Amino acid sequence: QVQLVESGGGLVQAGGSLRLSCVASESIFSTDAIGWYRQVPGKPRDLVASTTNSDSTYADSVKGRFTISRDNAKNTVFLQMNTLKSEDTAVYYCNAVVRRGLRKYMYWGQGTQVTVSS
């Protein structure tokens, strides 16, 4: 069982920045992927950004504004969010995909609220 703890959410004005952090309870180097999703009420949880040991993937809506990074030594993944827009308002969830033997497991954090005021 991997535990993920997010922090860094809050209220920010449009055009501002926030940095989210996610600390994992075990080495993120061994994960297949680790990243961030977001969800607004009544809608599905959508991928924001994800990273493996070799590359990163971004949703089109955040490309050029958000940057995902990782500190393997601290088992931490970050999401730097710049030029925030009101449509970025959501609960942001950290996600990790871990392979154990022939099976993959997906773990989620508890979520952190990001609110962008216009």
N, C-alpha and C. Protein backbone atom coordinates (compact mmCIF):
# COMPACT_ATOMS: atom_id res chain seq x y z
N GLN A 1 0.84 -1.19 0.00
CA GLN A 1 0.00 0.00 0.00
C GLN A 1 0.88 1.24 0.00
N VAL A 2 0.71 2.08 -1.01
CA VAL A 2 1.46 3.33 -1.09
C VAL A 2 0.57 4.46 -0.60
N GLN A 3 1.08 5.23 0.32
CA GLN A 3 0.34 6.41 0.81
C GLN A 3 0.90 7.65 0.14
N LEU A 4 -0.01 8.50 -0.30
CA LEU A 4 0.35 9.74 -0.98
C LEU A 4 -0.28 10.90 -0.22
N VAL A 5 0.53 11.89 0.12
CA VAL A 5 0.04 13.03 0.87
C VAL A 5 0.33 14.30 0.08
N GLU A 6 -0.76 14.98 -0.31
CA GLU A 6 -0.62 16.22 -1.08
C GLU A 6 -0.62 17.43 -0.16
N SER A 7 -0.03 18.49 -0.66
CA SER A 7 -0.08 19.78 0.02
C SER A 7 0.15 20.88 -1.01
N GLY A 8 -0.15 22.11 -0.60
CA GLY A 8 0.14 23.25 -1.45
C GLY A 8 -1.05 23.88 -2.13
N GLY A 9 -2.22 23.30 -1.98
CA GLY A 9 -3.41 23.92 -2.57
C GLY A 9 -3.80 25.19 -1.84
N GLY A 10 -4.77 25.90 -2.42
CA GLY A 10 -5.23 27.12 -1.78
C GLY A 10 -5.99 28.00 -2.74
N LEU A 11 -6.16 29.24 -2.32
CA LEU A 11 -6.87 30.24 -3.10
C LEU A 11 -5.87 31.20 -3.72
N VAL A 12 -6.01 31.43 -5.02
CA VAL A 12 -5.09 32.32 -5.72
C VAL A 12 -5.87 33.08 -6.78
N GLN A 13 -5.41 34.27 -7.09
CA GLN A 13 -6.06 35.05 -8.14
C GLN A 13 -5.63 34.55 -9.52
N ALA A 14 -6.49 34.78 -10.48
CA ALA A 14 -6.15 34.42 -11.86
C ALA A 14 -4.83 35.09 -12.26
N GLY A 15 -3.99 34.31 -12.94
CA GLY A 15 -2.68 34.78 -13.32
C GLY A 15 -1.58 34.45 -12.32
N GLY A 16 -2.00 34.00 -11.16
CA GLY A 16 -1.04 33.67 -10.12
C GLY A 16 -0.49 32.26 -10.26
N SER A 17 0.28 31.86 -9.25
CA SER A 17 0.96 30.57 -9.26
C SER A 17 0.75 29.82 -7.95
N LEU A 18 0.80 28.52 -8.05
CA LEU A 18 0.81 27.64 -6.89
C LEU A 18 1.73 26.46 -7.18
N ARG A 19 2.27 25.88 -6.13
CA ARG A 19 3.09 24.69 -6.28
C ARG A 19 2.54 23.60 -5.38
N LEU A 20 2.11 22.51 -6.00
CA LEU A 20 1.61 21.37 -5.24
C LEU A 20 2.74 20.37 -5.01
N SER A 21 2.69 19.71 -3.86
CA SER A 21 3.65 18.67 -3.53
C SER A 21 2.91 17.39 -3.17
N CYS A 22 3.54 16.28 -3.48
CA CYS A 22 2.98 14.97 -3.13
C CYS A 22 4.13 14.12 -2.63
N VAL A 23 4.02 13.72 -1.37
CA VAL A 23 5.04 12.86 -0.77
C VAL A 23 4.52 11.43 -0.71
N ALA A 24 5.31 10.51 -1.24
CA ALA A 24 4.92 9.10 -1.25
C ALA A 24 5.60 8.37 -0.10
N SER A 25 4.94 7.29 0.35
CA SER A 25 5.45 6.53 1.49
C SER A 25 6.53 5.54 1.09
N GLU A 26 6.78 5.39 -0.21
CA GLU A 26 7.87 4.54 -0.66
C GLU A 26 8.51 5.16 -1.90
N SER A 27 9.58 4.55 -2.34
CA SER A 27 10.35 5.13 -3.43
C SER A 27 9.51 5.33 -4.69
N ILE A 28 9.53 6.56 -5.22
CA ILE A 28 8.80 6.82 -6.45
C ILE A 28 9.60 6.40 -7.67
N PHE A 29 10.87 6.11 -7.47
CA PHE A 29 11.69 5.66 -8.59
C PHE A 29 11.17 4.35 -9.15
N SER A 30 10.55 3.55 -8.27
CA SER A 30 10.06 2.25 -8.70
C SER A 30 8.65 2.28 -9.28
N THR A 31 8.03 3.46 -9.29
CA THR A 31 6.67 3.52 -9.82
C THR A 31 6.70 3.49 -11.35
N ASP A 32 5.63 2.95 -11.92
CA ASP A 32 5.48 3.03 -13.37
C ASP A 32 5.24 4.48 -13.80
N ALA A 33 4.46 5.17 -13.00
CA ALA A 33 4.17 6.58 -13.28
C ALA A 33 3.64 7.22 -12.01
N ILE A 34 3.88 8.51 -11.89
CA ILE A 34 3.32 9.27 -10.78
C ILE A 34 2.92 10.63 -11.31
N GLY A 35 1.81 11.14 -10.83
CA GLY A 35 1.37 12.41 -11.39
C GLY A 35 0.16 12.98 -10.70
N TRP A 36 -0.52 13.86 -11.42
CA TRP A 36 -1.63 14.62 -10.87
C TRP A 36 -2.86 14.53 -11.76
N TYR A 37 -3.99 14.39 -11.10
CA TYR A 37 -5.30 14.46 -11.73
C TYR A 37 -6.08 15.57 -11.04
N ARG A 38 -7.15 16.01 -11.68
CA ARG A 38 -8.02 16.97 -11.03
C ARG A 38 -9.48 16.65 -11.33
N GLN A 39 -10.33 17.11 -10.42
CA GLN A 39 -11.75 16.79 -10.55
C GLN A 39 -12.59 17.96 -10.03
N VAL A 40 -13.64 18.27 -10.79
CA VAL A 40 -14.63 19.24 -10.33
C VAL A 40 -15.93 18.47 -10.12
N PRO A 41 -16.81 18.97 -9.27
CA PRO A 41 -18.04 18.24 -8.97
C PRO A 41 -18.85 17.92 -10.22
N GLY A 42 -19.29 16.67 -10.30
CA GLY A 42 -20.13 16.24 -11.40
C GLY A 42 -19.39 15.84 -12.65
N LYS A 43 -18.06 15.90 -12.59
CA LYS A 43 -17.27 15.54 -13.77
C LYS A 43 -16.25 14.48 -13.41
N PRO A 44 -15.76 13.74 -14.41
CA PRO A 44 -14.77 12.71 -14.10
C PRO A 44 -13.43 13.31 -13.71
N ARG A 45 -12.61 12.48 -13.10
CA ARG A 45 -11.26 12.89 -12.72
C ARG A 45 -10.38 12.83 -13.97
N ASP A 46 -9.72 13.93 -14.28
CA ASP A 46 -8.94 14.03 -15.51
C ASP A 46 -7.45 14.16 -15.22
N LEU A 47 -6.65 13.58 -16.11
CA LEU A 47 -5.21 13.70 -15.99
C LEU A 47 -4.77 15.14 -16.22
N VAL A 48 -3.89 15.63 -15.35
CA VAL A 48 -3.27 16.94 -15.53
C VAL A 48 -1.85 16.76 -16.05
N ALA A 49 -1.06 15.97 -15.34
CA ALA A 49 0.32 15.72 -15.74
C ALA A 49 0.78 14.45 -15.07
N SER A 50 1.66 13.74 -15.78
CA SER A 50 2.19 12.50 -15.25
C SER A 50 3.63 12.36 -15.67
N THR A 51 4.42 11.70 -14.86
CA THR A 51 5.83 11.53 -15.17
C THR A 51 6.28 10.11 -14.88
N THR A 52 7.16 9.62 -15.73
CA THR A 52 7.85 8.36 -15.48
C THR A 52 9.33 8.69 -15.27
N ASN A 53 10.15 7.70 -15.22
CA ASN A 53 11.58 7.97 -15.07
C ASN A 53 12.21 8.50 -16.36
N SER A 54 11.43 8.48 -17.47
CA SER A 54 12.02 8.89 -18.74
C SER A 54 11.32 10.08 -19.39
N ASP A 55 10.04 10.30 -19.12
CA ASP A 55 9.36 11.42 -19.77
C ASP A 55 8.14 11.87 -18.96
N SER A 56 7.52 12.94 -19.47
CA SER A 56 6.34 13.50 -18.81
C SER A 56 5.24 13.76 -19.83
N THR A 57 4.03 13.73 -19.35
CA THR A 57 2.85 13.94 -20.19
C THR A 57 1.98 15.01 -19.55
N TYR A 58 1.41 15.87 -20.39
CA TYR A 58 0.56 16.95 -19.91
C TYR A 58 -0.77 16.98 -20.67
N ALA A 59 -1.81 17.37 -19.95
CA ALA A 59 -3.06 17.67 -20.63
C ALA A 59 -2.87 18.90 -21.50
N ASP A 60 -3.56 18.94 -22.63
CA ASP A 60 -3.40 20.08 -23.55
C ASP A 60 -3.73 21.40 -22.86
N SER A 61 -4.68 21.37 -21.96
CA SER A 61 -5.14 22.60 -21.32
C SER A 61 -4.11 23.23 -20.38
N VAL A 62 -3.08 22.48 -20.00
CA VAL A 62 -2.10 23.01 -19.07
C VAL A 62 -0.70 23.11 -19.67
N LYS A 63 -0.53 22.65 -20.89
CA LYS A 63 0.80 22.70 -21.52
C LYS A 63 1.29 24.15 -21.60
N GLY A 64 2.54 24.33 -21.22
CA GLY A 64 3.13 25.66 -21.24
C GLY A 64 2.89 26.46 -19.97
N ARG A 65 1.97 25.98 -19.12
CA ARG A 65 1.67 26.68 -17.86
C ARG A 65 2.06 25.86 -16.64
N PHE A 66 1.90 24.56 -16.71
CA PHE A 66 2.19 23.68 -15.58
C PHE A 66 3.45 22.87 -15.88
N THR A 67 4.20 22.58 -14.82
CA THR A 67 5.40 21.75 -14.95
C THR A 67 5.41 20.72 -13.83
N ILE A 68 5.56 19.46 -14.21
CA ILE A 68 5.68 18.39 -13.23
C ILE A 68 7.16 18.07 -13.06
N SER A 69 7.56 17.84 -11.83
CA SER A 69 8.94 17.48 -11.53
C SER A 69 8.95 16.52 -10.36
N ARG A 70 10.11 15.91 -10.14
CA ARG A 70 10.19 14.91 -9.09
C ARG A 70 11.54 14.97 -8.42
N ASP A 71 11.53 14.63 -7.14
CA ASP A 71 12.74 14.48 -6.36
C ASP A 71 12.73 13.05 -5.84
N ASN A 72 13.42 12.17 -6.55
CA ASN A 72 13.39 10.75 -6.18
C ASN A 72 13.95 10.52 -4.78
N ALA A 73 14.95 11.29 -4.41
CA ALA A 73 15.58 11.10 -3.10
C ALA A 73 14.61 11.40 -1.95
N LYS A 74 13.63 12.28 -2.22
CA LYS A 74 12.66 12.66 -1.19
C LYS A 74 11.29 12.04 -1.45
N ASN A 75 11.22 11.15 -2.44
CA ASN A 75 9.93 10.49 -2.77
C ASN A 75 8.82 11.52 -2.99
N THR A 76 9.14 12.58 -3.66
CA THR A 76 8.21 13.69 -3.81
C THR A 76 8.06 14.07 -5.28
N VAL A 77 6.82 14.35 -5.65
CA VAL A 77 6.55 14.88 -6.99
C VAL A 77 5.88 16.24 -6.81
N PHE A 78 6.21 17.16 -7.69
CA PHE A 78 5.70 18.53 -7.61
C PHE A 78 4.90 18.87 -8.86
N LEU A 79 3.99 19.81 -8.69
CA LEU A 79 3.30 20.39 -9.83
C LEU A 79 3.35 21.90 -9.68
N GLN A 80 4.18 22.52 -10.51
CA GLN A 80 4.26 23.98 -10.53
C GLN A 80 3.20 24.50 -11.49
N MET A 81 2.30 25.30 -10.97
CA MET A 81 1.20 25.81 -11.77
C MET A 81 1.32 27.31 -11.90
N ASN A 82 1.53 27.78 -13.11
CA ASN A 82 1.68 29.21 -13.39
C ASN A 82 0.53 29.69 -14.27
N THR A 83 0.36 30.99 -14.28
CA THR A 83 -0.68 31.61 -15.11
C THR A 83 -2.02 30.90 -14.91
N LEU A 84 -2.39 30.75 -13.66
CA LEU A 84 -3.61 30.01 -13.34
C LEU A 84 -4.85 30.72 -13.86
N LYS A 85 -5.81 29.90 -14.27
CA LYS A 85 -7.08 30.39 -14.79
C LYS A 85 -8.22 29.87 -13.91
N SER A 86 -9.36 30.51 -14.00
CA SER A 86 -10.50 30.09 -13.19
C SER A 86 -10.88 28.64 -13.49
N GLU A 87 -10.67 28.23 -14.73
CA GLU A 87 -11.03 26.85 -15.09
C GLU A 87 -10.07 25.81 -14.52
N ASP A 88 -9.00 26.25 -13.89
CA ASP A 88 -8.10 25.33 -13.19
C ASP A 88 -8.61 24.98 -11.81
N THR A 89 -9.66 25.65 -11.38
CA THR A 89 -10.24 25.37 -10.07
C THR A 89 -10.74 23.93 -10.02
N ALA A 90 -10.26 23.18 -9.02
CA ALA A 90 -10.60 21.77 -8.90
C ALA A 90 -9.94 21.21 -7.66
N VAL A 91 -10.29 19.98 -7.32
CA VAL A 91 -9.53 19.22 -6.33
C VAL A 91 -8.46 18.46 -7.10
N TYR A 92 -7.23 18.63 -6.68
CA TYR A 92 -6.10 17.99 -7.35
C TYR A 92 -5.67 16.77 -6.54
N TYR A 93 -5.54 15.65 -7.24
CA TYR A 93 -5.19 14.39 -6.61
C TYR A 93 -3.85 13.87 -7.14
N CYS A 94 -3.02 13.44 -6.22
CA CYS A 94 -1.79 12.76 -6.59
C CYS A 94 -2.12 11.30 -6.88
N ASN A 95 -1.45 10.76 -7.88
CA ASN A 95 -1.72 9.39 -8.32
C ASN A 95 -0.40 8.67 -8.59
N ALA A 96 -0.34 7.41 -8.17
CA ALA A 96 0.85 6.60 -8.44
C ALA A 96 0.42 5.24 -8.97
N VAL A 97 1.11 4.79 -9.99
CA VAL A 97 0.88 3.45 -10.55
C VAL A 97 2.10 2.61 -10.24
N VAL A 98 1.88 1.52 -9.53
CA VAL A 98 2.98 0.69 -9.05
C VAL A 98 2.80 -0.73 -9.58
N ARG A 99 3.84 -1.25 -10.12
CA ARG A 99 3.81 -2.64 -10.60
C ARG A 99 4.37 -3.54 -9.51
N ARG A 100 3.61 -4.57 -9.20
CA ARG A 100 4.08 -5.58 -8.24
C ARG A 100 3.87 -6.93 -8.90
N GLY A 101 4.99 -7.53 -9.32
CA GLY A 101 4.90 -8.77 -10.07
C GLY A 101 4.23 -8.51 -11.41
N LEU A 102 3.18 -9.25 -11.73
CA LEU A 102 2.48 -9.11 -12.99
C LEU A 102 1.30 -8.15 -12.91
N ARG A 103 1.06 -7.57 -11.75
CA ARG A 103 -0.11 -6.72 -11.56
C ARG A 103 0.29 -5.27 -11.34
N LYS A 104 -0.60 -4.38 -11.77
CA LYS A 104 -0.42 -2.95 -11.53
C LYS A 104 -1.46 -2.48 -10.53
N TYR A 105 -1.04 -1.60 -9.66
CA TYR A 105 -1.93 -1.04 -8.66
C TYR A 105 -1.89 0.48 -8.78
N MET A 106 -3.07 1.10 -8.57
CA MET A 106 -3.17 2.54 -8.64
C MET A 106 -3.52 3.08 -7.25
N TYR A 107 -2.79 4.08 -6.83
CA TYR A 107 -3.01 4.68 -5.51
C TYR A 107 -3.32 6.16 -5.67
N TRP A 108 -4.13 6.68 -4.74
CA TRP A 108 -4.54 8.07 -4.76
C TRP A 108 -4.27 8.75 -3.43
N GLY A 109 -3.96 10.03 -3.49
CA GLY A 109 -3.92 10.85 -2.29
C GLY A 109 -5.32 11.31 -1.93
N GLN A 110 -5.39 12.11 -0.88
CA GLN A 110 -6.69 12.55 -0.38
C GLN A 110 -7.21 13.78 -1.13
N GLY A 111 -6.36 14.41 -1.89
CA GLY A 111 -6.75 15.57 -2.68
C GLY A 111 -6.47 16.88 -1.98
N THR A 112 -6.21 17.90 -2.77
CA THR A 112 -6.01 19.24 -2.24
C THR A 112 -6.76 20.23 -3.15
N GLN A 113 -7.48 21.14 -2.52
CA GLN A 113 -8.33 22.06 -3.28
C GLN A 113 -7.50 23.21 -3.83
N VAL A 114 -7.70 23.50 -5.10
CA VAL A 114 -7.13 24.68 -5.74
C VAL A 114 -8.29 25.53 -6.24
N THR A 115 -8.34 26.76 -5.79
CA THR A 115 -9.39 27.68 -6.21
C THR A 115 -8.75 28.91 -6.82
N VAL A 116 -9.13 29.20 -8.05
CA VAL A 116 -8.59 30.36 -8.77
C VAL A 116 -9.72 31.36 -8.94
N SER A 117 -9.54 32.54 -8.35
CA SER A 117 -10.57 33.57 -8.45
C SER A 117 -10.30 34.47 -9.64
N SER A 118 -11.36 34.85 -10.32
CA SER A 118 -11.20 35.70 -11.51
C SER A 118 -11.41 37.16 -11.17
